[in-house]
C-alpha atoms as a PDB file:
ATOM      1  CA  MET A   1      70.459 -49.532 250.926  1.00  0.00           C
ATOM      2  CA  LEU A   2      72.539 -49.798 247.679  1.00  0.00           C
ATOM      3  CA  ALA A   3      69.327 -49.071 245.805  1.00  0.00           C
ATOM      4  CA  LEU A   4      68.665 -45.865 247.712  1.00  0.00           C
ATOM      5  CA  HIS A   5      72.244 -44.792 247.193  1.00  0.00           C
ATOM      6  CA  ARG A   6      71.805 -45.456 243.343  1.00  0.00           C
ATOM      7  CA  SER A   7      68.677 -43.448 243.407  1.00  0.00           C
ATOM      8  CA  VAL A   8      70.196 -40.477 245.273  1.00  0.00           C
ATOM      9  CA  THR A   9      73.233 -40.450 242.889  1.00  0.00           C
ATOM     10  CA  LEU A  10      70.969 -40.815 239.865  1.00  0.00           C
ATOM     11  CA  LEU A  11      68.837 -37.889 241.089  1.00  0.00           C
ATOM     12  CA  LEU A  12      71.948 -35.724 241.610  1.00  0.00           C
ATOM     13  CA  LEU A  13      73.105 -36.484 238.178  1.00  0.00           C
ATOM     14  CA  LEU A  14      69.883 -35.647 236.615  1.00  0.00           C
ATOM     15  CA  SER A  15      69.641 -32.404 238.486  1.00  0.00           C
ATOM     16  CA  LEU A  16      73.166 -31.444 237.355  1.00  0.00           C
ATOM     17  CA  LEU A  17      72.507 -32.304 233.905  1.00  0.00           C
ATOM     18  CA  GLN A  18      69.244 -30.224 233.993  1.00  0.00           C
ATOM     19  CA  ALA A  19      71.349 -27.282 235.508  1.00  0.00           C
ATOM     20  CA  CYS A  20      73.810 -27.674 232.487  1.00  0.00           C
ATOM     21  CA  LYS A  21      70.763 -27.447 230.135  1.00  0.00           C
ATOM     22  CA  GLU A  22      69.478 -24.129 231.914  1.00  0.00           C
ATOM     23  CA  PRO A  23      69.577 -21.389 229.200  1.00  0.00           C
ATOM     24  CA  LEU A  24      71.766 -18.338 229.951  1.00  0.00           C
ATOM     25  CA  ARG A  25      69.797 -15.403 231.235  1.00  0.00           C
ATOM     26  CA  ALA A  26      70.767 -11.802 231.214  1.00  0.00           C
ATOM     27  CA  LYS A  27      69.761  -9.507 234.082  1.00  0.00           C
ATOM     28  CA  ASP A  28      66.918  -7.979 232.283  1.00  0.00           C
ATOM     29  CA  GLY A  29      65.510 -11.627 231.926  1.00  0.00           C
ATOM     30  CA  THR A  30      66.454 -12.128 228.251  1.00  0.00           C
ATOM     31  CA  ILE A  31      67.132 -15.764 227.716  1.00  0.00           C
ATOM     32  CA  PHE A  32      69.953 -16.829 225.370  1.00  0.00           C
ATOM     33  CA  HIS A  33      69.153 -20.336 224.039  1.00  0.00           C
ATOM     34  CA  THR A  34      71.832 -20.316 221.464  1.00  0.00           C
ATOM     35  CA  PRO A  35      75.013 -18.468 220.621  1.00  0.00           C
ATOM     36  CA  ALA A  36      72.992 -16.665 217.804  1.00  0.00           C
ATOM     37  CA  ASP A  37      70.777 -15.200 220.503  1.00  0.00           C
ATOM     38  CA  TYR A  38      73.752 -14.072 222.439  1.00  0.00           C
ATOM     39  CA  ASN A  39      75.280 -12.460 219.520  1.00  0.00           C
ATOM     40  CA  GLU A  40      72.010 -10.770 218.448  1.00  0.00           C
ATOM     41  CA  TYR A  41      71.483  -9.161 221.810  1.00  0.00           C
ATOM     42  CA  ILE A  42      74.796  -7.471 221.592  1.00  0.00           C
ATOM     43  CA  ILE A  43      74.468  -6.509 217.992  1.00  0.00           C
ATOM     44  CA  SER A  44      70.948  -5.007 218.352  1.00  0.00           C
ATOM     45  CA  ARG A  45      72.299  -2.715 221.004  1.00  0.00           C
ATOM     46  CA  GLN A  46      75.341  -1.853 219.013  1.00  0.00           C
ATOM     47  CA  THR A  47      72.983  -0.818 216.190  1.00  0.00           C
ATOM     48  CA  LYS A  48      71.111   1.476 218.343  1.00  0.00           C
ATOM     49  CA  VAL A  49      74.262   3.198 219.476  1.00  0.00           C
ATOM     50  CA  ILE A  50      75.779   3.497 216.096  1.00  0.00           C
ATOM     51  CA  ARG A  51      72.477   4.777 214.595  1.00  0.00           C
ATOM     52  CA  ASN A  52      72.425   7.426 217.123  1.00  0.00           C
ATOM     53  CA  VAL A  53      76.040   8.544 216.168  1.00  0.00           C
ATOM     54  CA  MET A  54      74.983   8.567 212.412  1.00  0.00           C
ATOM     55  CA  ASP A  55      71.978  10.535 213.310  1.00  0.00           C
ATOM     56  CA  LEU A  56      73.974  12.941 215.474  1.00  0.00           C
ATOM     57  CA  PHE A  57      76.459  13.625 212.557  1.00  0.00           C
ATOM     58  CA  LYS A  58      73.510  14.251 210.075  1.00  0.00           C
ATOM     59  CA  ARG A  59      72.007  16.732 212.622  1.00  0.00           C
ATOM     60  CA  MET A  60      75.512  18.364 213.426  1.00  0.00           C
ATOM     61  CA  GLU A  61      75.360  19.436 209.594  1.00  0.00           C
ATOM     62  CA  THR A  62      71.796  20.553 209.418  1.00  0.00           C
ATOM     63  CA  SER A  63      70.714  21.619 212.987  1.00  0.00           C
ATOM     64  CA  PRO A  64      73.532  21.855 215.482  1.00  0.00           C
ATOM     65  CA  ASP A  65      71.243  23.243 218.278  1.00  0.00           C
ATOM     66  CA  THR A  66      69.028  20.133 217.698  1.00  0.00           C
ATOM     67  CA  ALA A  67      72.047  17.767 217.858  1.00  0.00           C
ATOM     68  CA  LEU A  68      73.086  19.402 221.079  1.00  0.00           C
ATOM     69  CA  THR A  69      69.670  18.765 222.583  1.00  0.00           C
ATOM     70  CA  LEU A  70      69.976  14.928 221.629  1.00  0.00           C
ATOM     71  CA  LEU A  71      73.163  14.252 223.496  1.00  0.00           C
ATOM     72  CA  ASP A  72      71.774  13.608 226.779  1.00  0.00           C
ATOM     73  CA  ALA A  73      69.178  11.145 225.180  1.00  0.00           C
ATOM     74  CA  TYR A  74      71.787   9.290 223.187  1.00  0.00           C
ATOM     75  CA  SER A  75      73.977   9.129 226.144  1.00  0.00           C
ATOM     76  CA  LYS A  76      71.169   7.318 228.121  1.00  0.00           C
ATOM     77  CA  VAL A  77      70.669   4.974 225.339  1.00  0.00           C
ATOM     78  CA  THR A  78      74.103   4.070 225.494  1.00  0.00           C
ATOM     79  CA  ASP A  79      73.990   3.809 229.288  1.00  0.00           C
ATOM     80  CA  THR A  80      71.399   1.452 228.980  1.00  0.00           C
ATOM     81  CA  ALA A  81      73.125  -0.608 226.286  1.00  0.00           C
ATOM     82  CA  ILE A  82      76.198  -0.737 228.641  1.00  0.00           C
ATOM     83  CA  SER A  83      74.110  -1.854 231.550  1.00  0.00           C
ATOM     84  CA  ASP A  84      72.489  -4.665 229.445  1.00  0.00           C
ATOM     85  CA  ILE A  85      75.707  -5.972 228.127  1.00  0.00           C
ATOM     86  CA  LYS A  86      77.307  -5.869 231.687  1.00  0.00           C
ATOM     87  CA  GLY A  87      74.213  -7.856 232.819  1.00  0.00           C
ATOM     88  CA  MET A  88      74.890 -10.660 230.507  1.00  0.00           C
ATOM     89  CA  PRO A  89      76.754 -13.783 231.765  1.00  0.00           C
ATOM     90  CA  PRO A  90      79.677 -15.231 229.939  1.00  0.00           C
ATOM     91  CA  PHE A  91      78.711 -17.542 227.196  1.00  0.00           C
ATOM     92  CA  ARG A  92      80.154 -21.027 228.230  1.00  0.00           C
ATOM     93  CA  THR A  93      82.887 -19.000 230.241  1.00  0.00           C
ATOM     94  CA  ASP A  94      83.724 -16.918 227.137  1.00  0.00           C
ATOM     95  CA  SER A  95      83.220 -13.293 227.929  1.00  0.00           C
ATOM     96  CA  ALA A  96      85.633 -11.727 225.173  1.00  0.00           C
ATOM     97  CA  PHE A  97      82.830 -10.606 222.765  1.00  0.00           C
ATOM     98  CA  ARG A  98      80.645  -9.344 225.603  1.00  0.00           C
ATOM     99  CA  ASP A  99      83.731  -7.325 227.099  1.00  0.00           C
ATOM    100  CA  ALA A 100      84.796  -5.924 223.732  1.00  0.00           C
ATOM    101  CA  ALA A 101      81.298  -4.468 223.251  1.00  0.00           C
ATOM    102  CA  ILE A 102      81.345  -2.912 226.752  1.00  0.00           C
ATOM    103  CA  GLN A 103      84.538  -1.190 225.937  1.00  0.00           C
ATOM    104  CA  SER A 104      83.090   0.132 222.666  1.00  0.00           C
ATOM    105  CA  PHE A 105      79.874   1.421 224.252  1.00  0.00           C
ATOM    106  CA  ILE A 106      81.826   3.041 227.054  1.00  0.00           C
ATOM    107  CA  PHE A 107      83.897   4.909 224.315  1.00  0.00           C
ATOM    108  CA  TYR A 108      80.773   5.996 222.581  1.00  0.00           C
ATOM    109  CA  LYS A 109      79.162   7.244 225.865  1.00  0.00           C
ATOM    110  CA  SER A 110      82.399   9.174 226.536  1.00  0.00           C
ATOM    111  CA  LEU A 111      82.049  10.923 222.938  1.00  0.00           C
ATOM    112  CA  PHE A 112      78.415  11.912 223.624  1.00  0.00           C
ATOM    113  CA  ASN A 113      79.240  13.400 226.951  1.00  0.00           C
ATOM    114  CA  ASN A 114      82.584  15.044 226.146  1.00  0.00           C
ATOM    115  CA  TYR A 115      83.801  15.331 222.642  1.00  0.00           C
ATOM    116  CA  TYR A 116      80.584  15.661 220.765  1.00  0.00           C
ATOM    117  CA  ARG A 117      79.246  18.072 223.296  1.00  0.00           C
ATOM    118  CA  ARG A 118      82.392  20.473 223.134  1.00  0.00           C
ATOM    119  CA  ALA A 119      82.281  20.194 219.376  1.00  0.00           C
ATOM    120  CA  LEU A 120      78.753  21.256 219.105  1.00  0.00           C
ATOM    121  CA  LEU A 121      79.057  23.865 221.771  1.00  0.00           C
ATOM    122  CA  ARG A 122      81.984  25.229 219.597  1.00  0.00           C
ATOM    123  CA  ARG A 123      79.606  25.065 216.477  1.00  0.00           C
ATOM    124  CA  THR A 124      76.720  26.699 217.985  1.00  0.00           C
ATOM    125  CA  GLY A 125      78.781  29.463 219.296  1.00  0.00           C
ATOM    126  CA  LYS A 126      77.758  28.701 222.691  1.00  0.00           C
ATOM    127  CA  ASN A 127      81.388  28.452 224.069  1.00  0.00           C
ATOM    128  CA  GLY A 128      82.825  31.184 222.076  1.00  0.00           C
ATOM    129  CA  GLY A 129      85.105  31.322 219.019  1.00  0.00           C
ATOM    130  CA  ASP A 130      88.328  30.348 220.890  1.00  0.00           C
ATOM    131  CA  GLU A 131      91.017  29.303 218.215  1.00  0.00           C
ATOM    132  CA  GLU A 132      92.748  27.272 220.715  1.00  0.00           C
ATOM    133  CA  GLU A 133      89.823  25.249 221.530  1.00  0.00           C
ATOM    134  CA  ALA A 134      89.103  24.551 217.837  1.00  0.00           C
ATOM    135  CA  ASN A 135      92.756  23.265 217.525  1.00  0.00           C
ATOM    136  CA  LYS A 136      92.395  21.153 220.516  1.00  0.00           C
ATOM    137  CA  LEU A 137      89.332  19.458 219.010  1.00  0.00           C
ATOM    138  CA  LEU A 138      91.025  18.817 215.656  1.00  0.00           C
ATOM    139  CA  ASP A 139      93.812  17.181 217.509  1.00  0.00           C
ATOM    140  CA  GLU A 140      91.503  15.095 219.580  1.00  0.00           C
ATOM    141  CA  MET A 141      89.669  14.069 216.609  1.00  0.00           C
ATOM    142  CA  GLU A 142      92.591  12.206 215.125  1.00  0.00           C
ATOM    143  CA  LYS A 143      93.044  10.510 218.426  1.00  0.00           C
ATOM    144  CA  ILE A 144      89.389   9.488 218.626  1.00  0.00           C
ATOM    145  CA  ARG A 145      89.533   8.112 214.976  1.00  0.00           C
ATOM    146  CA  ARG A 146      92.386   5.862 215.988  1.00  0.00           C
ATOM    147  CA  GLU A 147      90.845   4.714 219.162  1.00  0.00           C
ATOM    148  CA  GLU A 148      87.482   4.046 217.445  1.00  0.00           C
ATOM    149  CA  GLU A 149      89.174   2.143 214.788  1.00  0.00           C
ATOM    150  CA  GLN A 150      90.993  -0.073 217.228  1.00  0.00           C
ATOM    151  CA  LEU A 151      87.901  -0.570 219.360  1.00  0.00           C
ATOM    152  CA  ASP A 152      86.065  -1.500 216.424  1.00  0.00           C
ATOM    153  CA  LYS A 153      88.595  -4.076 215.233  1.00  0.00           C
ATOM    154  CA  ASN A 154      88.665  -5.554 218.837  1.00  0.00           C
ATOM    155  CA  LEU A 155      84.800  -6.039 218.712  1.00  0.00           C
ATOM    156  CA  HIS A 156      84.893  -7.435 215.097  1.00  0.00           C
ATOM    157  CA  LYS A 157      87.701  -9.874 216.119  1.00  0.00           C
ATOM    158  CA  ALA A 158      85.919 -10.980 219.204  1.00  0.00           C
ATOM    159  CA  GLN A 159      82.698 -11.417 217.418  1.00  0.00           C
ATOM    160  CA  ASN A 160      84.256 -13.434 214.550  1.00  0.00           C
ATOM    161  CA  GLU A 161      86.133 -15.664 217.218  1.00  0.00           C
ATOM    162  CA  PHE A 162      82.866 -16.069 218.927  1.00  0.00           C
ATOM    163  CA  ALA A 163      81.016 -17.113 215.686  1.00  0.00           C
ATOM    164  CA  ARG A 164      83.982 -19.610 214.885  1.00  0.00           C
ATOM    165  CA  LYS A 165      84.038 -21.035 218.270  1.00  0.00           C
ATOM    166  CA  TYR A 166      80.233 -21.705 218.346  1.00  0.00           C
ATOM    167  CA  ASP A 167      80.120 -22.687 214.603  1.00  0.00           C
ATOM    168  CA  MET A 168      77.896 -19.706 213.409  1.00  0.00           C
ATOM    169  CA  LYS A 169      77.714 -18.035 210.005  1.00  0.00           C
ATOM    170  CA  MET A 170      78.358 -14.467 210.033  1.00  0.00           C
ATOM    171  CA  ARG A 171      76.509 -11.994 207.550  1.00  0.00           C
ATOM    172  CA  PRO A 172      76.741  -8.207 207.436  1.00  0.00           C
ATOM    173  CA  SER A 173      74.292  -6.444 209.596  1.00  0.00           C
ATOM    174  CA  ASP A 174      71.914  -3.729 208.039  1.00  0.00           C
ATOM    175  CA  ILE A 175      73.789  -0.948 209.755  1.00  0.00           C
ATOM    176  CA  GLN A 176      77.302  -2.340 208.394  1.00  0.00           C
ATOM    177  CA  LYS A 177      75.726  -2.252 204.965  1.00  0.00           C
ATOM    178  CA  GLU A 178      74.493   1.221 205.494  1.00  0.00           C
ATOM    179  CA  ILE A 179      77.882   2.279 206.769  1.00  0.00           C
ATOM    180  CA  GLU A 180      79.681   0.599 203.779  1.00  0.00           C
ATOM    181  CA  LYS A 181      77.304   2.440 201.405  1.00  0.00           C
ATOM    182  CA  LYS A 182      78.212   5.818 202.866  1.00  0.00           C
ATOM    183  CA  ASN A 183      81.955   5.156 202.490  1.00  0.00           C
END
């Protein structure tokens, strides 16, 4: 009887150990074997969203009508990024990096759906030349800049803390290098 009890205990311990070794899995089926996988999943979505913002700015200058038609597509890409990131489990009970990314993406979705749309409609003349609207957009732009700066700091801090906690080396992403080049 004692041998049977030990066998059952051993089987329970083995199954618990195996459960602990199960890799993390996002709702879309992506498996995170390492902290670097988790980081890359978030950063790859951030890169898509930021590339869309950069493309939109470029098109605002050259072809505002084209930029206006891209807003819905860029909003959908951002929606997908939000959904993907929300579908991630916390990494070993740590959700700060994931949550900061979600907040950042929600902010960009709001820009695509609201501010950028209003600015482009004004630029294309599709909502008239109301001076009051132009002034509101300019005032709002400063508020948006500050909010974006804060969200970016929060995301960067959360990513650095995640990297430090899981002993990862950080290197600038391609998109960071592009942005730094333009500034």
